């Protein structure tokens, strides 16, 4: 865990930018962000939407911070199932999935 923290706190991190790499993604992306996430920003989502070659869908989960899958699991699971269903139906691959907690 400390290695991850060291990366984000390193002075060179201020120049960290993945926008160039986003241009090479060729599969649909779902971005799930907690409404009150102190680390992620709407600007990051907009950058992905602007730079990615592939379709990008995003959802802001209300009443969630950095871990919406823990803080709002039902809403997060519904968003993921909806995204997957959209992809499958567009490609006529399968019948709709039901959101289920395991």
PDB file of N, CA and C in Angstrom:
ATOM      1  N   UNK A   1       0.821  -1.197   0.000  1.00  0.00           N
ATOM      2  CA  UNK A   1       0.000   0.000   0.000  1.00  0.00           C
ATOM      3  C   UNK A   1       0.863   1.259   0.000  1.00  0.00           C
ATOM      4  N   UNK A   2       1.950   1.232   0.727  1.00  0.00           N
ATOM      5  CA  UNK A   2       2.797   2.412   0.818  1.00  0.00           C
ATOM      6  C   UNK A   2       3.367   2.798  -0.547  1.00  0.00           C
ATOM      7  N   UNK A   3       3.683   1.804  -1.392  1.00  0.00           N
ATOM      8  CA  UNK A   3       4.191   2.098  -2.729  1.00  0.00           C
ATOM      9  C   UNK A   3       3.191   2.907  -3.551  1.00  0.00           C
ATOM     10  N   UNK A   4       1.932   2.589  -3.426  1.00  0.00           N
ATOM     11  CA  UNK A   4       0.880   3.321  -4.127  1.00  0.00           C
ATOM     12  C   UNK A   4       0.808   4.762  -3.613  1.00  0.00           C
ATOM     13  N   UNK A   5       0.860   4.923  -2.312  1.00  0.00           N
ATOM     14  CA  UNK A   5       0.817   6.247  -1.709  1.00  0.00           C
ATOM     15  C   UNK A   5       2.040   7.068  -2.127  1.00  0.00           C
ATOM     16  N   UNK A   6       3.205   6.437  -2.111  1.00  0.00           N
ATOM     17  CA  UNK A   6       4.421   7.142  -2.510  1.00  0.00           C
ATOM     18  C   UNK A   6       4.317   7.665  -3.937  1.00  0.00           C
ATOM     19  N   UNK A   7       3.707   6.894  -4.822  1.00  0.00           N
ATOM     20  CA  UNK A   7       3.555   7.322  -6.213  1.00  0.00           C
ATOM     21  C   UNK A   7       2.748   8.619  -6.302  1.00  0.00           C
ATOM     22  N   UNK A   8       1.614   8.668  -5.628  1.00  0.00           N
ATOM     23  CA  UNK A   8       0.742   9.845  -5.711  1.00  0.00           C
ATOM     24  C   UNK A   8       1.342  11.070  -5.028  1.00  0.00           C
ATOM     25  N   UNK A   9       2.203  10.844  -4.049  1.00  0.00           N
ATOM     26  CA  UNK A   9       2.792  11.960  -3.325  1.00  0.00           C
ATOM     27  C   UNK A   9       4.147  12.404  -3.889  1.00  0.00           C
ATOM     28  N   UNK A  10       4.669  11.671  -4.840  1.00  0.00           N
ATOM     29  CA  UNK A  10       5.968  12.002  -5.423  1.00  0.00           C
ATOM     30  C   UNK A  10       5.871  13.326  -6.193  1.00  0.00           C
ATOM     31  N   UNK A  11       6.881  14.199  -6.096  1.00  0.00           N
ATOM     32  CA  UNK A  11       6.825  15.499  -6.787  1.00  0.00           C
ATOM     33  C   UNK A  11       6.607  15.391  -8.304  1.00  0.00           C
ATOM     34  N   UNK A  12       7.108  14.333  -8.923  1.00  0.00           N
ATOM     35  CA  UNK A  12       6.930  14.184 -10.371  1.00  0.00           C
ATOM     36  C   UNK A  12       5.486  13.868 -10.755  1.00  0.00           C
ATOM     37  N   UNK A  13       4.667  13.485  -9.786  1.00  0.00           N
ATOM     38  CA  UNK A  13       3.277  13.161 -10.087  1.00  0.00           C
ATOM     39  C   UNK A  13       2.520  14.357 -10.647  1.00  0.00           C
ATOM     40  N   UNK A  14       2.945  15.553 -10.301  1.00  0.00           N
ATOM     41  CA  UNK A  14       2.246  16.743 -10.791  1.00  0.00           C
ATOM     42  C   UNK A  14       2.208  16.797 -12.311  1.00  0.00           C
ATOM     43  N   UNK A  15       3.153  16.136 -12.982  1.00  0.00           N
ATOM     44  CA  UNK A  15       3.171  16.126 -14.448  1.00  0.00           C
ATOM     45  C   UNK A  15       2.541  14.855 -15.022  1.00  0.00           C
ATOM     46  N   UNK A  16       2.008  13.980 -14.163  1.00  0.00           N
ATOM     47  CA  UNK A  16       1.381  12.731 -14.613  1.00  0.00           C
ATOM     48  C   UNK A  16       0.134  13.040 -15.440  1.00  0.00           C
ATOM     49  N   UNK A  17       0.069  12.469 -16.639  1.00  0.00           N
ATOM     50  CA  UNK A  17      -1.042  12.749 -17.548  1.00  0.00           C
ATOM     51  C   UNK A  17      -1.249  11.534 -18.442  1.00  0.00           C
ATOM     52  N   UNK A  18      -2.431  10.947 -18.420  1.00  0.00           N
ATOM     53  CA  UNK A  18      -2.678   9.752 -19.234  1.00  0.00           C
ATOM     54  C   UNK A  18      -3.508  10.041 -20.482  1.00  0.00           C
ATOM     55  N   UNK A  19      -3.739  11.299 -20.785  1.00  0.00           N
ATOM     56  CA  UNK A  19      -4.596  11.616 -21.934  1.00  0.00           C
ATOM     57  C   UNK A  19      -4.098  10.989 -23.229  1.00  0.00           C
ATOM     58  N   UNK A  20      -2.807  10.954 -23.453  1.00  0.00           N
ATOM     59  CA  UNK A  20      -2.270  10.332 -24.667  1.00  0.00           C
ATOM     60  C   UNK A  20      -2.636   8.850 -24.723  1.00  0.00           C
ATOM     61  N   UNK A  21      -2.513   8.152 -23.607  1.00  0.00           N
ATOM     62  CA  UNK A  21      -2.827   6.721 -23.569  1.00  0.00           C
ATOM     63  C   UNK A  21      -4.314   6.460 -23.777  1.00  0.00           C
ATOM     64  N   UNK A  22      -5.166   7.376 -23.353  1.00  0.00           N
ATOM     65  CA  UNK A  22      -6.607   7.199 -23.524  1.00  0.00           C
ATOM     66  C   UNK A  22      -6.981   7.060 -24.992  1.00  0.00           C
ATOM     67  N   UNK A  23      -6.224   7.661 -25.858  1.00  0.00           N
ATOM     68  CA  UNK A  23      -6.523   7.614 -27.298  1.00  0.00           C
ATOM     69  C   UNK A  23      -6.396   6.214 -27.893  1.00  0.00           C
ATOM     70  N   UNK A  24      -5.747   5.308 -27.196  1.00  0.00           N
ATOM     71  CA  UNK A  24      -5.516   3.964 -27.720  1.00  0.00           C
ATOM     72  C   UNK A  24      -6.533   2.937 -27.220  1.00  0.00           C
ATOM     73  N   UNK A  25      -7.418   3.333 -26.352  1.00  0.00           N
ATOM     74  CA  UNK A  25      -8.432   2.406 -25.840  1.00  0.00           C
ATOM     75  C   UNK A  25      -9.494   2.214 -26.916  1.00  0.00           C
ATOM     76  N   UNK A  26      -9.821   0.956 -27.201  1.00  0.00           N
ATOM     77  CA  UNK A  26     -10.755   0.650 -28.283  1.00  0.00           C
ATOM     78  C   UNK A  26     -11.989  -0.141 -27.830  1.00  0.00           C
ATOM     79  N   UNK A  27     -12.218  -0.204 -26.549  1.00  0.00           N
ATOM     80  CA  UNK A  27     -13.393  -0.901 -26.029  1.00  0.00           C
ATOM     81  C   UNK A  27     -14.244   0.101 -25.251  1.00  0.00           C
ATOM     82  N   UNK A  28     -15.548  -0.102 -25.193  1.00  0.00           N
ATOM     83  CA  UNK A  28     -16.405   0.820 -24.442  1.00  0.00           C
ATOM     84  C   UNK A  28     -15.986   0.907 -22.973  1.00  0.00           C
ATOM     85  N   UNK A  29     -16.128   2.096 -22.419  1.00  0.00           N
ATOM     86  CA  UNK A  29     -15.712   2.359 -21.037  1.00  0.00           C
ATOM     87  C   UNK A  29     -16.902   2.887 -20.238  1.00  0.00           C
ATOM     88  N   UNK A  30     -17.030   2.384 -19.023  1.00  0.00           N
ATOM     89  CA  UNK A  30     -17.961   2.944 -18.053  1.00  0.00           C
ATOM     90  C   UNK A  30     -17.134   3.553 -16.931  1.00  0.00           C
ATOM     91  N   UNK A  31     -17.340   4.821 -16.671  1.00  0.00           N
ATOM     92  CA  UNK A  31     -16.670   5.493 -15.560  1.00  0.00           C
ATOM     93  C   UNK A  31     -17.705   5.686 -14.457  1.00  0.00           C
ATOM     94  N   UNK A  32     -17.418   5.134 -13.297  1.00  0.00           N
ATOM     95  CA  UNK A  32     -18.296   5.252 -12.133  1.00  0.00           C
ATOM     96  C   UNK A  32     -17.569   6.124 -11.118  1.00  0.00           C
ATOM     97  N   UNK A  33     -18.208   7.222 -10.727  1.00  0.00           N
ATOM     98  CA  UNK A  33     -17.592   8.161  -9.790  1.00  0.00           C
ATOM     99  C   UNK A  33     -18.577   8.476  -8.685  1.00  0.00           C
ATOM    100  N   UNK A  34     -18.097   8.491  -7.473  1.00  0.00           N
ATOM    101  CA  UNK A  34     -18.921   8.924  -6.352  1.00  0.00           C
ATOM    102  C   UNK A  34     -19.116  10.431  -6.405  1.00  0.00           C
ATOM    103  N   UNK A  35     -20.310  10.868  -6.128  1.00  0.00           N
ATOM    104  CA  UNK A  35     -20.646  12.297  -6.164  1.00  0.00           C
ATOM    105  C   UNK A  35     -19.715  13.127  -5.280  1.00  0.00           C
ATOM    106  N   UNK A  36     -19.320  12.585  -4.156  1.00  0.00           N
ATOM    107  CA  UNK A  36     -18.486  13.311  -3.192  1.00  0.00           C
ATOM    108  C   UNK A  36     -17.067  12.756  -3.113  1.00  0.00           C
ATOM    109  N   UNK A  37     -16.580  12.216  -4.212  1.00  0.00           N
ATOM    110  CA  UNK A  37     -15.224  11.655  -4.259  1.00  0.00           C
ATOM    111  C   UNK A  37     -14.204  12.785  -4.089  1.00  0.00           C
ATOM    112  N   UNK A  38     -13.391  12.732  -3.034  1.00  0.00           N
ATOM    113  CA  UNK A  38     -12.422  13.809  -2.830  1.00  0.00           C
ATOM    114  C   UNK A  38     -11.193  13.691  -3.740  1.00  0.00           C
ATOM    115  N   UNK A  39     -11.067  12.587  -4.469  1.00  0.00           N
ATOM    116  CA  UNK A  39      -9.882  12.359  -5.293  1.00  0.00           C
ATOM    117  C   UNK A  39     -10.162  12.490  -6.786  1.00  0.00           C
ATOM    118  N   UNK A  40     -11.304  12.020  -7.236  1.00  0.00           N
ATOM    119  CA  UNK A  40     -11.647  12.093  -8.651  1.00  0.00           C
ATOM    120  C   UNK A  40     -12.429  13.356  -8.955  1.00  0.00           C
ATOM    121  N   UNK A  41     -12.310  13.827 -10.206  1.00  0.00           N
ATOM    122  CA  UNK A  41     -13.003  15.061 -10.587  1.00  0.00           C
ATOM    123  C   UNK A  41     -13.829  14.855 -11.846  1.00  0.00           C
ATOM    124  N   UNK A  42     -14.770  15.734 -12.056  1.00  0.00           N
ATOM    125  CA  UNK A  42     -15.558  15.737 -13.292  1.00  0.00           C
ATOM    126  C   UNK A  42     -14.628  16.027 -14.477  1.00  0.00           C
ATOM    127  N   UNK A  43     -13.613  16.841 -14.277  1.00  0.00           N
ATOM    128  CA  UNK A  43     -12.677  17.160 -15.355  1.00  0.00           C
ATOM    129  C   UNK A  43     -11.976  15.906 -15.862  1.00  0.00           C
ATOM    130  N   UNK A  44     -11.697  14.947 -14.973  1.00  0.00           N
ATOM    131  CA  UNK A  44     -11.078  13.691 -15.406  1.00  0.00           C
ATOM    132  C   UNK A  44     -12.030  12.908 -16.310  1.00  0.00           C
ATOM    133  N   UNK A  45     -13.298  12.915 -15.959  1.00  0.00           N
ATOM    134  CA  UNK A  45     -14.287  12.233 -16.790  1.00  0.00           C
ATOM    135  C   UNK A  45     -14.378  12.920 -18.149  1.00  0.00           C
ATOM    136  N   UNK A  46     -14.447  14.234 -18.153  1.00  0.00           N
ATOM    137  CA  UNK A  46     -14.531  14.980 -19.415  1.00  0.00           C
ATOM    138  C   UNK A  46     -13.298  14.733 -20.284  1.00  0.00           C
ATOM    139  N   UNK A  47     -12.123  14.609 -19.665  1.00  0.00           N
ATOM    140  CA  UNK A  47     -10.905  14.309 -20.425  1.00  0.00           C
ATOM    141  C   UNK A  47     -11.023  12.948 -21.097  1.00  0.00           C
ATOM    142  N   UNK A  48     -11.521  11.962 -20.368  1.00  0.00           N
ATOM    143  CA  UNK A  48     -11.696  10.625 -20.957  1.00  0.00           C
ATOM    144  C   UNK A  48     -12.704  10.674 -22.100  1.00  0.00           C
ATOM    145  N   UNK A  49     -13.794  11.377 -21.906  1.00  0.00           N
ATOM    146  CA  UNK A  49     -14.808  11.490 -22.958  1.00  0.00           C
ATOM    147  C   UNK A  49     -14.230  12.172 -24.198  1.00  0.00           C
ATOM    148  N   UNK A  50     -13.361  13.136 -24.001  1.00  0.00           N
ATOM    149  CA  UNK A  50     -12.789  13.875 -25.121  1.00  0.00           C
ATOM    150  C   UNK A  50     -11.646  13.173 -25.814  1.00  0.00           C
ATOM    151  N   UNK A  51     -10.905  12.361 -25.086  1.00  0.00           N
ATOM    152  CA  UNK A  51      -9.702  11.753 -25.651  1.00  0.00           C
ATOM    153  C   UNK A  51      -9.898  10.332 -26.169  1.00  0.00           C
ATOM    154  N   UNK A  52     -10.800   9.587 -25.572  1.00  0.00           N
ATOM    155  CA  UNK A  52     -10.961   8.183 -25.957  1.00  0.00           C
ATOM    156  C   UNK A  52     -11.576   8.062 -27.343  1.00  0.00           C
ATOM    157  N   UNK A  53     -11.081   7.113 -28.096  1.00  0.00           N
ATOM    158  CA  UNK A  53     -11.613   6.799 -29.416  1.00  0.00           C
ATOM    159  C   UNK A  53     -12.914   6.015 -29.278  1.00  0.00           C
ATOM    160  N   UNK A  54     -13.029   5.287 -28.193  1.00  0.00           N
ATOM    161  CA  UNK A  54     -14.171   4.404 -27.955  1.00  0.00           C
ATOM    162  C   UNK A  54     -15.311   5.153 -27.276  1.00  0.00           C
ATOM    163  N   UNK A  55     -16.496   4.531 -27.220  1.00  0.00           N
ATOM    164  CA  UNK A  55     -17.597   5.144 -26.466  1.00  0.00           C
ATOM    165  C   UNK A  55     -17.268   5.186 -24.974  1.00  0.00           C
ATOM    166  N   UNK A  56     -17.609   6.296 -24.338  1.00  0.00           N
ATOM    167  CA  UNK A  56     -17.400   6.461 -22.897  1.00  0.00           C
ATOM    168  C   UNK A  56     -18.733   6.849 -22.282  1.00  0.00           C
ATOM    169  N   UNK A  57     -19.161   6.057 -21.311  1.00  0.00           N
ATOM    170  CA  UNK A  57     -20.345   6.403 -20.529  1.00  0.00           C
ATOM    171  C   UNK A  57     -19.875   6.676 -19.111  1.00  0.00           C
ATOM    172  N   UNK A  58     -20.544   7.599 -18.446  1.00  0.00           N
ATOM    173  CA  UNK A  58     -20.177   7.889 -17.066  1.00  0.00           C
ATOM    174  C   UNK A  58     -21.429   8.018 -16.225  1.00  0.00           C
ATOM    175  N   UNK A  59     -21.271   7.708 -14.965  1.00  0.00           N
ATOM    176  CA  UNK A  59     -22.360   7.869 -14.007  1.00  0.00           C
ATOM    177  C   UNK A  59     -21.764   8.404 -12.710  1.00  0.00           C
ATOM    178  N   UNK A  60     -22.465   9.352 -12.139  1.00  0.00           N
ATOM    179  CA  UNK A  60     -22.094   9.901 -10.842  1.00  0.00           C
ATOM    180  C   UNK A  60     -23.052   9.288  -9.819  1.00  0.00           C
ATOM    181  N   UNK A  61     -22.508   8.557  -8.877  1.00  0.00           N
ATOM    182  CA  UNK A  61     -23.321   7.881  -7.873  1.00  0.00           C
ATOM    183  C   UNK A  61     -23.555   8.844  -6.700  1.00  0.00           C
ATOM    184  N   UNK A  62     -24.834   9.177  -6.423  1.00  0.00           N
ATOM    185  CA  UNK A  62     -25.128  10.103  -5.323  1.00  0.00           C
ATOM    186  C   UNK A  62     -24.796   9.489  -3.963  1.00  0.00           C
ATOM    187  N   UNK A  63     -24.487  10.351  -3.031  1.00  0.00           N
ATOM    188  CA  UNK A  63     -24.196   9.938  -1.651  1.00  0.00           C
ATOM    189  C   UNK A  63     -23.087   8.899  -1.565  1.00  0.00           C
ATOM    190  N   UNK A  64     -22.080   9.061  -2.414  1.00  0.00           N
ATOM    191  CA  UNK A  64     -20.932   8.158  -2.389  1.00  0.00           C
ATOM    192  C   UNK A  64     -19.664   8.986  -2.518  1.00  0.00           C
ATOM    193  N   UNK A  65     -18.596   8.435  -1.964  1.00  0.00           N
ATOM    194  CA  UNK A  65     -17.309   9.114  -2.040  1.00  0.00           C
ATOM    195  C   UNK A  65     -16.412   8.361  -3.026  1.00  0.00           C
ATOM    196  N   UNK A  66     -15.262   7.880  -2.561  1.00  0.00           N
ATOM    197  CA  UNK A  66     -14.272   7.270  -3.437  1.00  0.00           C
ATOM    198  C   UNK A  66     -14.556   5.791  -3.724  1.00  0.00           C
ATOM    199  N   UNK A  67     -15.464   5.183  -3.003  1.00  0.00           N
ATOM    200  CA  UNK A  67     -15.738   3.754  -3.174  1.00  0.00           C
ATOM    201  C   UNK A  67     -17.237   3.516  -3.342  1.00  0.00           C
ATOM    202  N   UNK A  68     -17.825   3.977  -4.446  1.00  0.00           N
ATOM    203  CA  UNK A  68     -19.280   3.819  -4.604  1.00  0.00           C
ATOM    204  C   UNK A  68     -19.738   2.366  -4.586  1.00  0.00           C
ATOM    205  N   UNK A  69     -18.862   1.442  -4.981  1.00  0.00           N
ATOM    206  CA  UNK A  69     -19.237   0.025  -4.958  1.00  0.00           C
ATOM    207  C   UNK A  69     -19.425  -0.480  -3.529  1.00  0.00           C
ATOM    208  N   UNK A  70     -18.843   0.207  -2.540  1.00  0.00           N
ATOM    209  CA  UNK A  70     -19.066  -0.133  -1.133  1.00  0.00           C
ATOM    210  C   UNK A  70     -20.155   0.737  -0.513  1.00  0.00           C
ATOM    211  N   UNK A  71     -20.185   1.999  -0.901  1.00  0.00           N
ATOM    212  CA  UNK A  71     -21.074   2.963  -0.264  1.00  0.00           C
ATOM    213  C   UNK A  71     -22.491   2.949  -0.853  1.00  0.00           C
ATOM    214  N   UNK A  72     -22.611   2.638  -2.116  1.00  0.00           N
ATOM    215  CA  UNK A  72     -23.916   2.550  -2.793  1.00  0.00           C
ATOM    216  C   UNK A  72     -23.889   1.329  -3.727  1.00  0.00           C
ATOM    217  N   UNK A  73     -23.763   0.125  -3.159  1.00  0.00           N
ATOM    218  CA  UNK A  73     -23.578  -1.061  -4.008  1.00  0.00           C
ATOM    219  C   UNK A  73     -24.727  -1.322  -4.981  1.00  0.00           C
ATOM    220  N   UNK A  74     -25.963  -1.090  -4.560  1.00  0.00           N
ATOM    221  CA  UNK A  74     -27.091  -1.372  -5.446  1.00  0.00           C
ATOM    222  C   UNK A  74     -27.076  -0.451  -6.667  1.00  0.00           C
ATOM    223  N   UNK A  75     -26.881   0.850  -6.430  1.00  0.00           N
ATOM    224  CA  UNK A  75     -26.843   1.800  -7.544  1.00  0.00           C
ATOM    225  C   UNK A  75     -25.667   1.522  -8.476  1.00  0.00           C
ATOM    226  N   UNK A  76     -24.526   1.184  -7.891  1.00  0.00           N
ATOM    227  CA  UNK A  76     -23.344   0.886  -8.695  1.00  0.00           C
ATOM    228  C   UNK A  76     -23.568  -0.361  -9.533  1.00  0.00           C
ATOM    229  N   UNK A  77     -24.115  -1.388  -8.944  1.00  0.00           N
ATOM    230  CA  UNK A  77     -24.384  -2.630  -9.666  1.00  0.00           C
ATOM    231  C   UNK A  77     -25.411  -2.408 -10.776  1.00  0.00           C
ATOM    232  N   UNK A  78     -26.439  -1.622 -10.509  1.00  0.00           N
ATOM    233  CA  UNK A  78     -27.433  -1.310 -11.537  1.00  0.00           C
ATOM    234  C   UNK A  78     -26.796  -0.571 -12.708  1.00  0.00           C
ATOM    235  N   UNK A  79     -25.898   0.351 -12.420  1.00  0.00           N
ATOM    236  CA  UNK A  79     -25.213   1.106 -13.479  1.00  0.00           C
ATOM    237  C   UNK A  79     -24.351   0.185 -14.333  1.00  0.00           C
ATOM    238  N   UNK A  80     -23.651  -0.732 -13.688  1.00  0.00           N
ATOM    239  CA  UNK A  80     -22.790  -1.662 -14.416  1.00  0.00           C
ATOM    240  C   UNK A  80     -23.633  -2.610 -15.271  1.00  0.00           C
ATOM    241  N   UNK A  81     -24.710  -3.141 -14.700  1.00  0.00           N
ATOM    242  CA  UNK A  81     -25.583  -4.053 -15.453  1.00  0.00           C
ATOM    243  C   UNK A  81     -26.198  -3.337 -16.654  1.00  0.00           C
ATOM    244  N   UNK A  82     -26.622  -2.092 -16.466  1.00  0.00           N
ATOM    245  CA  UNK A  82     -27.197  -1.325 -17.565  1.00  0.00           C
ATOM    246  C   UNK A  82     -26.177  -1.114 -18.681  1.00  0.00           C
ATOM    247  N   UNK A  83     -24.954  -0.774 -18.310  1.00  0.00           N
ATOM    248  CA  UNK A  83     -23.878  -0.574 -19.285  1.00  0.00           C
ATOM    249  C   UNK A  83     -23.610  -1.863 -20.061  1.00  0.00           C
ATOM    250  N   UNK A  84     -23.509  -2.966 -19.352  1.00  0.00           N
ATOM    251  CA  UNK A  84     -23.236  -4.250 -20.009  1.00  0.00           C
ATOM    252  C   UNK A  84     -24.390  -4.635 -20.930  1.00  0.00           C
ATOM    253  N   UNK A  85     -25.628  -4.453 -20.459  1.00  0.00           N
ATOM    254  CA  UNK A  85     -26.781  -4.758 -21.303  1.00  0.00           C
ATOM    255  C   UNK A  85     -26.761  -3.923 -22.576  1.00  0.00           C
ATOM    256  N   UNK A  86     -26.435  -2.660 -22.440  1.00  0.00           N
ATOM    257  CA  UNK A  86     -26.356  -1.771 -23.604  1.00  0.00           C
ATOM    258  C   UNK A  86     -25.330  -2.315 -24.610  1.00  0.00           C
ATOM    259  N   UNK A  87     -24.172  -2.725 -24.133  1.00  0.00           N
ATOM    260  CA  UNK A  87     -23.124  -3.266 -25.003  1.00  0.00           C
ATOM    261  C   UNK A  87     -23.595  -4.567 -25.652  1.00  0.00           C
ATOM    262  N   UNK A  88     -24.159  -5.466 -24.864  1.00  0.00           N
ATOM    263  CA  UNK A  88     -24.596  -6.763 -25.396  1.00  0.00           C
ATOM    264  C   UNK A  88     -25.709  -6.600 -26.417  1.00  0.00           C
ATOM    265  N   UNK A  89     -26.676  -5.732 -26.131  1.00  0.00           N
ATOM    266  CA  UNK A  89     -27.774  -5.526 -27.061  1.00  0.00           C
ATOM    267  C   UNK A  89     -27.299  -4.866 -28.341  1.00  0.00           C
ATOM    268  N   UNK A  90     -26.374  -3.927 -28.240  1.00  0.00           N
ATOM    269  CA  UNK A  90     -25.835  -3.289 -29.446  1.00  0.00           C
ATOM    270  C   UNK A  90     -25.176  -4.301 -30.367  1.00  0.00           C
ATOM    271  N   UNK A  91     -24.578  -5.325 -29.777  1.00  0.00           N
ATOM    272  CA  UNK A  91     -23.896  -6.352 -30.565  1.00  0.00           C
ATOM    273  C   UNK A  91     -24.740  -7.611 -30.712  1.00  0.00           C
ATOM    274  N   UNK A  92     -25.979  -7.560 -30.243  1.00  0.00           N
ATOM    275  CA  UNK A  92     -26.915  -8.687 -30.324  1.00  0.00           C
ATOM    276  C   UNK A  92     -26.275  -9.969 -29.808  1.00  0.00           C
ATOM    277  N   UNK A  93     -25.637  -9.861 -28.651  1.00  0.00           N
ATOM    278  CA  UNK A  93     -24.874 -10.969 -28.087  1.00  0.00           C
ATOM    279  C   UNK A  93     -25.666 -11.811 -27.089  1.00  0.00           C
ATOM    280  N   UNK A  94     -26.577 -11.195 -26.346  1.00  0.00           N
ATOM    281  CA  UNK A  94     -27.224 -11.951 -25.269  1.00  0.00           C
ATOM    282  C   UNK A  94     -28.479 -11.241 -24.812  1.00  0.00           C
ATOM    283  N   UNK A  95     -29.230 -11.940 -23.981  1.00  0.00           N
ATOM    284  CA  UNK A  95     -30.410 -11.335 -23.370  1.00  0.00           C
ATOM    285  C   UNK A  95     -29.973 -10.451 -22.203  1.00  0.00           C
ATOM    286  N   UNK A  96     -30.823  -9.579 -21.723  1.00  0.00           N
ATOM    287  CA  UNK A  96     -30.452  -8.646 -20.653  1.00  0.00           C
ATOM    288  C   UNK A  96     -30.022  -9.351 -19.370  1.00  0.00           C
ATOM    289  N   UNK A  97     -29.054  -8.766 -18.694  1.00  0.00           N
ATOM    290  CA  UNK A  97     -28.603  -9.244 -17.395  1.00  0.00           C
ATOM    291  C   UNK A  97     -29.422  -8.586 -16.299  1.00  0.00           C
ATOM    292  N   UNK A  98     -29.643  -9.282 -15.231  1.00  0.00           N
ATOM    293  CA  UNK A  98     -30.286  -8.724 -14.057  1.00  0.00           C
ATOM    294  C   UNK A  98     -29.197  -8.407 -13.037  1.00  0.00           C
ATOM    295  N   UNK A  99     -29.267  -7.249 -12.424  1.00  0.00           N
ATOM    296  CA  UNK A  99     -28.300  -6.899 -11.383  1.00  0.00           C
ATOM    297  C   UNK A  99     -28.556  -7.778 -10.171  1.00  0.00           C
ATOM    298  N   UNK A 100     -27.527  -8.521  -9.760  1.00  0.00           N
ATOM    299  CA  UNK A 100     -27.650  -9.412  -8.605  1.00  0.00           C
ATOM    300  C   UNK A 100     -26.424  -9.279  -7.739  1.00  0.00           C
ATOM    301  N   UNK A 101     -26.642  -9.201  -6.467  1.00  0.00           N
ATOM    302  CA  UNK A 101     -25.511  -9.206  -5.522  1.00  0.00           C
ATOM    303  C   UNK A 101     -25.142 -10.629  -5.215  1.00  0.00           C
ATOM    304  N   UNK A 102     -23.876 -10.872  -5.207  1.00  0.00           N
ATOM    305  CA  UNK A 102     -23.369 -12.232  -4.904  1.00  0.00           C
ATOM    306  C   UNK A 102     -22.860 -12.273  -3.485  1.00  0.00           C
TER     307      UNK A 102
END
